């Protein structure tokens, strides 16, 4: 065991995350990530300095190079066409930035530029170098992957407990996939992990103080999470895990929270005001009307609560399977074994000197439930007919940013560090590598049948 002595959990994440992430980014055919074409359009638009999308006769989007759209439109995506798809893209159609056409990408047009910063910066460099559109896509993928790995690496280093749990959660097949492809989830998921880790540090580390660089990092991270996906705003309330003496007197303690929450609220309200004229119904949900839907919820909150609870009761296991799951259809046993391993690691991965107390766990439950409720409610507002009796278009990947919260409920001192840290970390490293290899195997089977 001497060879694994000193192996840090963040090093495990870095090694497995880089290798698996690069392979997933390379093996996944172009534009085959979740809504990846629309994310590419939005990232390209931001790379040109356009903060806001445009509203046109065809919808909401922008005037972008025709080749960004036509290159993949002309390629068949039917069964057995993936090798053809890769070959066609490999011919590297020139970008021809002067030949422009209005492209409708309404489902991503309202996203804040914050969610695309690393991808947009990389695409901007690629444009300056005159690279073809295929390379811009991969530059965006790799830049997002690098940014996400950096943020999660910092989260694992910062958190005082559950370091190995963070490793495994950040390397679940779906989390790996979202981290490796071009999309808004790349930054959002990683920043949410870092935000949770920062609150845990502030709450449990006796040496932590809310001042200086820590305060700046916490404020910036909370802004990134809130502006990327508004559904995760309740994570800010994890601040109250922190004892008052970490900040100072009670007035300063409350003032710090109100200042941070106010900053996030102002940023969100400012963004909503800026995009107020950009919303149009999605093509696959033409009967959705958010303001009328909100009126329905306010007028009959009990009925909506029953709709929400019924949806979670009927589809909760499906959401969870999607959140942690693989591309393709692996044997169900893999999911159960992976879940059991996560529970075991959460139970024993801690420190004898620190753990989340009972009041802290009640707060975590409140934040978890309110975030789930907000995720589902936003989907109900934007994707469902007014007064619909069920909630549609929810995907399990939306819950990835809050996956640490339910496992933190197992935090304890009694069974913490039940195994030697070096052996425990090595076992987690082997498990993470095994799960990542399975994810890649099923991805290859899904797209190439090999």
Protein backbone atom coordinates (compact mmCIF):
# COMPACT_ATOMS: atom_id res chain seq x y z
CA UNK A 1 0.00 0.00 0.00
CA UNK A 2 2.97 2.32 0.02
CA UNK A 3 2.35 3.26 -3.57
CA UNK A 4 -1.07 4.79 -2.72
CA UNK A 5 0.08 6.59 0.42
CA UNK A 6 -0.61 10.29 0.08
CA UNK A 7 -3.08 9.79 -2.78
CA UNK A 8 -5.52 12.69 -2.50
CA UNK A 9 -9.18 12.41 -3.57
CA UNK A 10 -8.86 15.47 -5.82
CA UNK A 11 -5.97 13.75 -7.62
CA UNK A 12 -8.18 10.72 -8.22
CA UNK A 13 -10.86 12.94 -9.68
CA UNK A 14 -8.35 14.77 -11.88
CA UNK A 15 -6.88 11.57 -13.31
CA UNK A 16 -10.15 9.76 -13.97
CA UNK A 17 -12.02 12.91 -14.99
CA UNK A 18 -9.47 14.01 -17.58
CA UNK A 19 -9.07 10.60 -19.21
CA UNK A 20 -12.76 9.69 -19.21
CA UNK A 21 -13.87 13.21 -20.13
CA UNK A 22 -11.56 13.44 -23.14
CA UNK A 23 -12.66 10.01 -24.36
CA UNK A 24 -16.35 10.88 -24.02
CA UNK A 25 -15.81 14.22 -25.79
CA UNK A 26 -14.04 12.45 -28.66
CA UNK A 27 -16.27 9.39 -28.93
CA UNK A 28 -19.63 11.17 -28.77
CA UNK A 29 -20.57 12.10 -32.36
CA UNK A 30 -20.78 15.82 -33.13
CA UNK A 31 -23.91 17.56 -31.86
CA UNK A 32 -25.15 14.40 -30.11
CA UNK A 33 -25.12 15.90 -26.64
CA UNK A 34 -28.38 17.03 -25.06
CA UNK A 35 -29.52 20.02 -27.18
CA UNK A 36 -25.92 20.42 -28.32
CA UNK A 37 -26.70 22.23 -31.61
CA UNK A 38 -28.63 24.93 -29.74
CA UNK A 39 -25.86 25.22 -27.15
CA UNK A 40 -23.27 25.57 -29.91
CA UNK A 41 -25.26 28.40 -31.49
CA UNK A 42 -25.58 30.25 -28.19
CA UNK A 43 -21.90 29.80 -27.31
CA UNK A 44 -20.87 31.00 -30.77
CA UNK A 45 -23.12 34.03 -30.44
CA UNK A 46 -21.57 34.92 -27.07
CA UNK A 47 -18.06 34.43 -28.50
CA UNK A 48 -18.82 37.31 -30.87
CA UNK A 49 -19.68 39.58 -27.94
CA UNK A 50 -23.47 39.34 -28.25
CA UNK A 51 -24.78 39.13 -24.68
CA UNK A 52 -28.43 38.98 -25.71
CA UNK A 53 -30.05 36.88 -28.42
CA UNK A 54 -32.28 38.43 -31.10
CA UNK A 55 -35.96 38.06 -31.81
CA UNK A 56 -36.82 37.49 -35.45
CA UNK A 57 -39.70 36.35 -37.61
CA UNK A 58 -38.58 32.73 -37.25
CA UNK A 59 -38.22 32.76 -33.48
CA UNK A 60 -35.44 33.73 -31.06
CA UNK A 61 -31.77 33.22 -31.83
CA UNK A 62 -29.37 35.16 -33.98
CA UNK A 63 -27.67 35.66 -37.35
CA UNK A 64 -24.87 33.11 -37.39
CA UNK A 65 -22.73 31.47 -40.10
CA UNK A 66 -24.87 29.26 -42.31
CA UNK A 67 -22.31 26.46 -42.04
CA UNK A 68 -22.98 26.06 -38.32
CA UNK A 69 -26.50 24.91 -39.20
CA UNK A 70 -26.29 23.37 -42.64
CA UNK A 71 -23.26 21.18 -42.04
CA UNK A 72 -25.12 18.88 -39.63
CA UNK A 73 -28.57 19.32 -41.20
CA UNK A 74 -27.43 17.69 -44.42
CA UNK A 75 -26.06 14.61 -42.71
CA UNK A 76 -28.31 11.63 -42.14
CA UNK A 77 -28.71 10.73 -38.49
CA UNK A 78 -30.67 7.55 -38.96
CA UNK A 79 -29.72 4.10 -37.62
CA UNK A 80 -26.21 3.02 -38.48
CA UNK A 81 -25.14 6.45 -39.71
CA UNK A 82 -22.72 7.43 -36.96
CA UNK A 83 -19.55 6.49 -38.83
CA UNK A 84 -20.88 8.42 -41.85
CA UNK A 85 -21.64 11.34 -39.55
CA UNK A 86 -18.11 11.38 -38.16
CA UNK A 87 -16.58 11.09 -41.61
CA UNK A 88 -18.65 13.94 -43.02
CA UNK A 89 -17.70 16.23 -40.16
CA UNK A 90 -14.07 15.22 -40.49
CA UNK A 91 -14.02 16.82 -43.94
CA UNK A 92 -14.02 20.10 -42.02
CA UNK A 93 -16.39 22.39 -43.87
CA UNK A 94 -15.04 25.97 -43.72
CA UNK A 95 -16.86 28.27 -41.34
CA UNK A 96 -17.43 31.10 -43.88
CA UNK A 97 -18.46 33.60 -41.16
CA UNK A 98 -19.66 36.21 -43.68
CA UNK A 99 -22.39 33.93 -45.07
CA UNK A 100 -25.04 34.30 -42.39
CA UNK A 101 -28.59 33.22 -41.78
CA UNK A 102 -31.00 33.61 -38.89
CA UNK A 103 -30.99 30.49 -36.71
CA UNK A 104 -33.71 29.82 -34.16
CA UNK A 105 -32.35 28.38 -30.92
CA UNK A 106 -35.06 29.58 -28.56
CA UNK A 107 -34.44 26.90 -25.93
CA UNK A 108 -30.94 28.23 -25.15
CA UNK A 109 -31.26 31.85 -26.32
CA UNK A 110 -32.43 33.01 -22.88
CA UNK A 111 -29.45 31.50 -21.03
CA UNK A 112 -27.03 33.91 -19.40
CA UNK A 113 -23.54 34.14 -20.97
CA UNK A 114 -22.13 33.01 -17.61
CA UNK A 115 -23.10 29.42 -18.39
CA UNK A 116 -20.98 29.44 -21.55
CA UNK A 117 -17.88 31.43 -20.58
CA UNK A 118 -15.17 28.76 -21.12
CA UNK A 119 -16.80 27.43 -24.30
CA UNK A 120 -17.36 30.90 -25.76
CA UNK A 121 -13.79 31.95 -25.03
CA UNK A 122 -12.41 28.86 -26.76
CA UNK A 123 -14.72 29.33 -29.76
CA UNK A 124 -13.59 32.96 -29.95
CA UNK A 125 -9.97 31.83 -30.19
CA UNK A 126 -10.94 29.30 -32.85
CA UNK A 127 -12.74 31.98 -34.88
CA UNK A 128 -9.68 34.22 -34.68
CA UNK A 129 -7.57 31.35 -36.05
CA UNK A 130 -10.04 30.69 -38.86
CA UNK A 131 -10.79 27.14 -37.78
CA UNK A 132 -13.65 25.17 -39.39
CA UNK A 133 -16.93 24.66 -37.56
CA UNK A 134 -16.15 21.07 -36.52
CA UNK A 135 -13.08 22.20 -34.61
CA UNK A 136 -15.02 25.00 -32.94
CA UNK A 137 -17.40 22.39 -31.54
CA UNK A 138 -14.57 20.33 -30.10
CA UNK A 139 -12.80 23.42 -28.78
CA UNK A 140 -16.01 24.25 -26.95
CA UNK A 141 -16.28 20.73 -25.56
CA UNK A 142 -12.71 20.63 -24.30
CA UNK A 143 -12.83 24.14 -22.84
CA UNK A 144 -16.01 23.33 -20.94
CA UNK A 145 -14.46 20.08 -19.72
CA UNK A 146 -11.34 21.90 -18.52
CA UNK A 147 -13.40 24.50 -16.69
CA UNK A 148 -15.62 21.91 -15.04
CA UNK A 149 -12.69 19.76 -13.95
CA UNK A 150 -10.99 22.81 -12.45
CA UNK A 151 -14.08 23.82 -10.47
CA UNK A 152 -14.79 20.31 -9.16
CA UNK A 153 -11.10 19.78 -8.33
CA UNK A 154 -11.28 22.91 -6.20
CA UNK A 155 -14.56 21.74 -4.62
CA UNK A 156 -13.01 18.42 -3.54
CA UNK A 157 -10.00 20.21 -2.13
CA UNK A 158 -12.14 22.76 -0.28
CA UNK A 159 -14.75 20.54 1.35
CA UNK A 160 -13.71 19.36 4.82
CA UNK A 161 -15.83 16.18 4.64
CA UNK A 162 -17.15 13.80 1.99
CA UNK A 163 -14.22 14.33 -0.38
CA UNK A 164 -14.47 10.83 -1.83
CA UNK A 165 -18.23 11.16 -2.10
CA UNK A 166 -17.74 14.29 -4.21
CA UNK A 167 -15.32 12.31 -6.41
CA UNK A 168 -17.85 9.57 -7.10
CA UNK A 169 -20.77 11.96 -7.64
CA UNK A 170 -18.79 14.11 -10.07
CA UNK A 171 -17.79 10.97 -11.99
CA UNK A 172 -21.18 9.29 -12.34
CA UNK A 173 -21.84 8.46 -16.00
CA UNK A 174 -24.37 11.25 -16.54
CA UNK A 175 -22.26 13.84 -14.72
CA UNK A 176 -19.26 12.83 -16.83
CA UNK A 177 -21.30 13.10 -20.00
CA UNK A 178 -22.62 16.55 -19.19
CA UNK A 179 -19.14 17.69 -18.21
CA UNK A 180 -17.62 16.51 -21.49
CA UNK A 181 -20.10 17.88 -24.04
CA UNK A 182 -20.96 21.42 -25.04
CA UNK A 183 -23.80 22.79 -22.96
CA UNK A 184 -24.89 25.01 -20.10
CA UNK A 185 -24.77 22.14 -17.59
CA UNK A 186 -20.98 21.96 -17.82
CA UNK A 187 -20.36 25.12 -15.81
CA UNK A 188 -23.58 24.92 -13.78
CA UNK A 189 -22.99 21.47 -12.29
CA UNK A 190 -19.37 22.12 -11.40
CA UNK A 191 -20.05 25.55 -9.88
CA UNK A 192 -22.87 24.08 -7.76
CA UNK A 193 -20.51 21.43 -6.39
CA UNK A 194 -18.02 24.15 -5.50
CA UNK A 195 -20.72 26.28 -3.85
CA UNK A 196 -21.83 23.36 -1.65
CA UNK A 197 -18.20 22.63 -0.76
CA UNK A 198 -17.58 26.25 0.22
CA UNK A 199 -20.61 26.26 2.54
CA UNK A 200 -19.41 23.01 4.12
CA UNK A 201 -15.97 24.53 4.69
CA UNK A 202 -17.50 27.61 6.28
CA UNK A 203 -19.79 25.49 8.45
CA UNK A 204 -17.39 22.79 9.67
CA UNK A 205 -13.82 24.06 9.50
CA UNK A 206 -13.00 25.92 12.75
CA UNK A 207 -10.37 27.98 10.93
CA UNK A 208 -12.73 29.18 8.17
CA UNK A 209 -13.89 32.81 8.23
CA UNK A 210 -16.19 34.66 5.84
CA UNK A 211 -13.80 37.40 4.80
CA UNK A 212 -11.33 38.37 2.09
CA UNK A 213 -10.82 35.93 -0.73
CA UNK A 214 -13.24 33.41 0.75
CA UNK A 215 -16.07 35.95 0.67
CA UNK A 216 -15.24 36.94 -2.91
CA UNK A 217 -15.04 33.32 -4.06
CA UNK A 218 -18.34 32.46 -2.37
CA UNK A 219 -20.11 35.48 -3.87
CA UNK A 220 -18.80 34.86 -7.40
CA UNK A 221 -19.61 31.16 -7.23
CA UNK A 222 -23.17 31.83 -6.03
CA UNK A 223 -23.66 34.31 -8.88
CA UNK A 224 -22.43 31.79 -11.45
CA UNK A 225 -24.86 29.15 -10.15
CA UNK A 226 -27.85 31.50 -9.97
CA UNK A 227 -27.28 33.10 -13.37
CA UNK A 228 -26.55 29.78 -15.09
CA UNK A 229 -29.71 28.01 -13.93
CA UNK A 230 -32.15 29.93 -11.73
CA UNK A 231 -33.60 26.76 -10.22
CA UNK A 232 -30.55 26.37 -7.98
CA UNK A 233 -30.98 29.70 -6.19
CA UNK A 234 -32.10 27.90 -2.95
CA UNK A 235 -28.54 26.57 -2.53
CA UNK A 236 -27.74 30.01 -1.11
CA UNK A 237 -29.62 29.08 2.05
CA UNK A 238 -26.95 26.51 2.89
CA UNK A 239 -25.24 29.59 4.29
CA UNK A 240 -27.18 28.94 7.50
CA UNK A 241 -25.17 25.77 8.08
CA UNK A 242 -22.49 28.23 9.17
CA UNK A 243 -22.23 29.10 12.89
CA UNK A 244 -22.50 32.79 13.72
CA UNK A 245 -18.95 32.92 15.11
CA UNK A 246 -17.53 32.13 11.63
CA UNK A 247 -18.71 35.59 10.56
CA UNK A 248 -18.90 37.63 13.75
CA UNK A 249 -21.83 39.09 15.61
CA UNK A 250 -25.43 38.27 14.64
CA UNK A 251 -25.96 41.54 12.74
CA UNK A 252 -22.93 40.95 10.58
CA UNK A 253 -23.96 37.32 10.09
CA UNK A 254 -27.38 38.32 8.75
CA UNK A 255 -25.98 41.26 6.79
CA UNK A 256 -23.54 38.97 4.99
CA UNK A 257 -26.34 36.64 3.90
CA UNK A 258 -28.66 39.46 2.89
CA UNK A 259 -25.87 41.07 0.90
CA UNK A 260 -25.08 37.86 -0.96
CA UNK A 261 -28.73 36.96 -1.51
CA UNK A 262 -29.51 40.50 -2.58
CA UNK A 263 -26.63 40.48 -5.06
CA UNK A 264 -27.97 37.28 -6.59
CA UNK A 265 -31.55 38.56 -6.63
CA UNK A 266 -30.55 41.81 -8.34
CA UNK A 267 -28.51 39.92 -10.93
CA UNK A 268 -31.41 37.57 -11.65
CA UNK A 269 -33.98 40.34 -11.86
CA UNK A 270 -31.67 42.31 -14.15
CA UNK A 271 -31.25 39.32 -16.45
CA UNK A 272 -35.00 38.61 -16.50
CA UNK A 273 -35.61 42.24 -17.40
CA UNK A 274 -33.05 42.09 -20.20
CA UNK A 275 -34.64 38.99 -21.80
CA UNK A 276 -38.27 39.94 -21.08
CA UNK A 277 -39.11 40.19 -24.80
CA UNK A 278 -37.20 37.09 -25.88
CA UNK A 279 -39.48 34.33 -24.63
CA UNK A 280 -41.50 32.36 -27.17
CA UNK A 281 -43.12 28.97 -26.72
CA UNK A 282 -40.98 25.97 -27.55
CA UNK A 283 -41.82 24.17 -30.78
CA UNK A 284 -42.54 20.93 -28.94
CA UNK A 285 -44.62 22.76 -26.30
CA UNK A 286 -46.66 25.36 -28.22
CA UNK A 287 -49.42 25.49 -25.59
CA UNK A 288 -47.11 26.56 -22.75
CA UNK A 289 -47.67 30.05 -21.36
CA UNK A 290 -45.50 30.72 -18.28
CA UNK A 291 -47.38 33.76 -16.98
CA UNK A 292 -50.78 32.11 -17.34
CA UNK A 293 -49.36 28.95 -15.78
CA UNK A 294 -48.04 30.95 -12.85
CA UNK A 295 -51.50 32.45 -12.44
CA UNK A 296 -52.96 28.94 -12.29
CA UNK A 297 -50.47 27.91 -9.59
CA UNK A 298 -51.14 31.00 -7.49
CA UNK A 299 -54.90 30.63 -7.83
CA UNK A 300 -54.92 26.97 -6.77
CA UNK A 301 -51.68 26.13 -4.91
CA UNK A 302 -53.13 23.00 -3.26
CA UNK A 303 -53.99 21.49 -6.63
CA UNK A 304 -50.55 22.30 -7.99
CA UNK A 305 -48.88 20.80 -4.91
CA UNK A 306 -50.78 17.57 -5.54
CA UNK A 307 -49.65 17.62 -9.19
CA UNK A 308 -46.06 18.10 -8.07
CA UNK A 309 -46.19 15.32 -5.46
CA UNK A 310 -47.93 12.94 -7.86
CA UNK A 311 -45.25 13.52 -10.48
CA UNK A 312 -42.45 12.82 -8.00
CA UNK A 313 -44.25 9.70 -6.78
CA UNK A 314 -44.75 8.36 -10.30
CA UNK A 315 -41.43 9.34 -11.85
CA UNK A 316 -39.01 9.84 -8.96
CA UNK A 317 -37.12 6.58 -9.52
CA UNK A 318 -36.89 7.32 -13.22
CA UNK A 319 -35.46 10.78 -12.54
CA UNK A 320 -32.89 9.28 -10.18
CA UNK A 321 -31.89 6.61 -12.70
CA UNK A 322 -31.44 9.28 -15.38
CA UNK A 323 -29.44 11.46 -12.99
CA UNK A 324 -26.84 8.79 -12.27
CA UNK A 325 -27.29 6.63 -15.33
CA UNK A 326 -25.47 5.55 -18.43
CA UNK A 327 -25.88 6.24 -22.13
CA UNK A 328 -27.66 3.20 -23.55
CA UNK A 329 -29.33 0.39 -21.59
CA UNK A 330 -26.93 -1.36 -19.19
CA UNK A 331 -28.15 -4.09 -16.83
CA UNK A 332 -30.19 -2.64 -13.96
CA UNK A 333 -27.84 -4.28 -11.46
CA UNK A 334 -25.16 -1.71 -12.30
CA UNK A 335 -27.39 1.08 -11.07
CA UNK A 336 -28.24 -0.66 -7.80
CA UNK A 337 -24.60 -1.51 -7.08
CA UNK A 338 -23.53 2.03 -7.87
CA UNK A 339 -26.21 3.43 -5.54
CA UNK A 340 -25.19 1.08 -2.74
CA UNK A 341 -21.56 2.11 -3.14
CA UNK A 342 -22.48 5.80 -2.95
CA UNK A 343 -24.48 5.23 0.24
CA UNK A 344 -21.62 3.31 1.85
CA UNK A 345 -19.05 5.94 0.95
CA UNK A 346 -21.31 8.73 2.21
CA UNK A 347 -21.74 6.88 5.51
CA UNK A 348 -18.04 6.41 6.27
CA UNK A 349 -16.41 9.30 4.39
CA UNK A 350 -16.02 11.94 7.07
CA UNK A 351 -13.87 13.22 9.88
CA UNK A 352 -13.99 12.33 13.58
CA UNK A 353 -13.84 16.02 14.51
CA UNK A 354 -16.66 17.30 12.30
CA UNK A 355 -20.02 16.31 10.88
CA UNK A 356 -23.27 17.96 9.84
CA UNK A 357 -25.52 18.15 12.90
CA UNK A 358 -29.26 17.49 13.20
CA UNK A 359 -30.28 21.11 12.61
CA UNK A 360 -27.96 21.28 9.64
CA UNK A 361 -29.54 18.16 8.16
CA UNK A 362 -33.01 19.69 8.55
CA UNK A 363 -31.74 22.70 6.61
CA UNK A 364 -30.29 20.44 3.92
CA UNK A 365 -33.64 18.66 3.57
CA UNK A 366 -35.41 22.02 3.22
CA UNK A 367 -32.95 23.23 0.57
CA UNK A 368 -33.11 19.90 -1.27
CA UNK A 369 -36.91 19.82 -1.40
CA UNK A 370 -37.25 23.48 -2.35
CA UNK A 371 -34.71 23.09 -5.17
CA UNK A 372 -36.43 19.98 -6.52
CA UNK A 373 -39.75 21.81 -6.32
CA UNK A 374 -38.32 24.80 -8.17
CA UNK A 375 -36.73 22.63 -10.88
CA UNK A 376 -40.02 20.89 -11.53
CA UNK A 377 -42.06 24.09 -11.28
CA UNK A 378 -39.92 25.89 -13.86
CA UNK A 379 -40.42 22.94 -16.18
CA UNK A 380 -44.16 23.11 -15.54
CA UNK A 381 -44.18 26.84 -16.34
CA UNK A 382 -42.22 26.68 -19.56
CA UNK A 383 -43.07 23.31 -21.09
CA UNK A 384 -46.62 22.35 -20.10
CA UNK A 385 -50.12 23.56 -21.10
CA UNK A 386 -51.85 25.81 -18.59
CA UNK A 387 -53.43 23.74 -15.83
CA UNK A 388 -51.91 20.45 -17.08
CA UNK A 389 -52.53 17.57 -14.70
CA UNK A 390 -48.95 16.29 -14.95
CA UNK A 391 -45.44 17.66 -15.45
CA UNK A 392 -43.62 16.79 -18.67
CA UNK A 393 -40.12 17.32 -20.09
CA UNK A 394 -38.19 16.85 -16.83
CA UNK A 395 -34.83 15.13 -17.25
CA UNK A 396 -32.89 13.50 -14.45
CA UNK A 397 -29.73 15.43 -15.33
CA UNK A 398 -31.36 18.57 -13.93
CA UNK A 399 -30.75 17.17 -10.42
CA UNK A 400 -26.99 16.62 -10.81
CA UNK A 401 -26.02 19.91 -9.06
CA UNK A 402 -27.85 18.90 -5.88
CA UNK A 403 -26.75 15.23 -5.71
CA UNK A 404 -24.38 15.83 -2.76
CA UNK A 405 -27.24 17.03 -0.54
CA UNK A 406 -29.15 13.76 0.13
CA UNK A 407 -25.89 11.91 0.81
CA UNK A 408 -24.75 14.57 3.28
CA UNK A 409 -27.69 13.48 5.46
CA UNK A 410 -25.56 10.41 6.29
CA UNK A 411 -22.76 12.58 7.69
CA UNK A 412 -21.65 11.31 11.12
CA UNK A 413 -18.69 11.13 13.48
CA UNK A 414 -19.13 7.59 14.78
CA UNK A 415 -18.37 5.73 11.56
CA UNK A 416 -16.25 8.39 9.89
CA UNK A 417 -12.82 7.32 8.74
CA UNK A 418 -13.70 3.69 9.46
CA UNK A 419 -11.06 2.72 6.90
CA UNK A 420 -7.51 3.92 6.52
CA UNK A 421 -7.63 6.97 4.32
CA UNK A 422 -5.06 5.76 1.79
CA UNK A 423 -6.79 2.41 1.27
CA UNK A 424 -10.20 4.04 1.22
CA UNK A 425 -9.07 6.54 -1.41
CA UNK A 426 -7.54 3.75 -3.50
CA UNK A 427 -10.79 1.76 -3.35
CA UNK A 428 -12.75 4.85 -4.44
CA UNK A 429 -10.26 5.43 -7.25
CA UNK A 430 -10.78 1.87 -8.52
CA UNK A 431 -14.57 2.24 -8.29
CA UNK A 432 -14.52 5.57 -10.11
CA UNK A 433 -12.31 4.18 -12.87
CA UNK A 434 -14.55 1.11 -13.21
CA UNK A 435 -17.74 3.17 -13.46
CA UNK A 436 -16.12 5.53 -15.98
CA UNK A 437 -14.95 2.59 -18.10
CA UNK A 438 -18.48 1.17 -18.09
CA UNK A 439 -19.86 4.56 -19.10
CA UNK A 440 -17.46 4.69 -22.04
CA UNK A 441 -18.22 1.10 -23.04
CA UNK A 442 -21.97 1.69 -23.13
CA UNK A 443 -21.44 4.97 -24.99
CA UNK A 444 -19.48 3.11 -27.69
CA UNK A 445 -22.21 0.46 -27.90
CA UNK A 446 -24.83 3.17 -28.17
CA UNK A 447 -23.26 5.08 -31.03
CA UNK A 448 -21.12 2.54 -32.88
CA UNK A 449 -22.53 -0.88 -31.95
CA UNK A 450 -19.02 -2.19 -31.36
